[in-house]
Amino acid sequence: MKGLVLSGGKGTRLRPLTFTRAKQLIPIANKPNLFYAVDDLLAAGIRDIGVIISPETGDEVRAALGDGTRWGVRFTFILQQQPLGLAHAVKTARAFLGDDAFVMYLGDNLLSGSLLPLVDEYRRGEADGIVLLTPVDNPCQFGIAVLDAQGQVTRLIEKPVDPPSNLALVGVYLFSPLIHAVIDDLQPSRRGEYEITDAIQGMLDRGYRVNAHQVRGWWKDTGKPEDLLDANRLVLSQLVRDVRGEVIESEVVGEVVLEPGARVVRSQVRGPAHIVAGVLIEDSYIGPYTALGNNARVIRSEVEYSVLLNDAQVIDLPYRLDASILGQGVVIEGQKKDHRKHTVQMVLGDFSQVKL
């Protein structure tokens, strides 16, 4: 069985962060989102993985993943010239996939729970395709599945106006090679894309068995800043305390990972928080659900529920930085305390500079 990870697209909902990086490489708890997908496939025993890339960010994705040695897998990079839909991505990968079954995983998704139940069910010969679902509050914004009493999919609808179900496709699919003939017959949807929901419906119309599994745990589509922050929260909530960095006249409370080479000086850190090598926290407060990337600096400031990428700096900020994402090399500098405002929220692209 092979894996197919989709790491294309333009990431428009995550701008300005994606003006300078692939959305799938934005770190969650200091680990690129895309790496979680690779880890999940590896844990399911899949070691031959195709990676769909775009012309805009393909080189960056190649450089980040490398040849697969760090995971013990083999990557094949597949260029999709235009983002014409998920089914189009499968068609683009046809030569790589051959006649093997495969797990398709959207590289900007994050979920808890193993893929092994899907793989095992397919290998027992119980389905021609399997989709992963989760209940959502806004089903009209997703592809929605309708199930029968046995848990088999009977119908799929892309972003229905009047949803017959609240079970959304979450971006993880398992397909037999039967899917290819169905995709060959697809026509573009109203938005000009070859929809994976139409392909799965085509399998159903031809009498193939498509089963459904519900997510065991949680799932996040990290396509928007608020979703990325929530994904960061969910991953950090699983941390186990590991304080090996330098703590000087400071208090480090709760589930905090403080890597060797990080320094906390005259400050308070309250977990869960993930702080990597090279970080300096001085005369500051770091609150729960915060991740600080390599060589980030927080000096005489307060940061909480935020993600700071590599080399970001927050210095003398007059307000508490909350629910924020700072890109690589961002510098925020303040002048003096202003007690009229208690918090500030920002999403800043790489190398931005702000003075307050």
Foldseek 3Di string as FASTA:
>chain_A
DAEEEEQEDQLPQAPPASVPAGLQQDDQLQGRLLVQVVVQCVVLVHAEYEYEYEPVHQVVVCVVCPQVVVPNHGYDYFYDHDCQEDLVSCVSCPVVCDQAKYKYAYSQKDADDHPNVVVVCVVVVNFQKEFEKEFDPQQLQAWDFDADPVQWTQAIDGNDPDDPGRIGGQGIMIHGSVLNVLSVPADGDPVRHRYVRSSVNSCVVVPGTYGYDYGDGDMFRPSHLLRSLVSSQVVLVPAAADADDAEACEAEEDRDAHEHQEYEYVEYEYESEYEYHQEYEYCEYEYYSEYEEHNEYEEVAAEYSEYEYALEYEYQDQEHEYSEYHEHNEYEEEDHHDVVDHYDYYYYYHNHYYYD
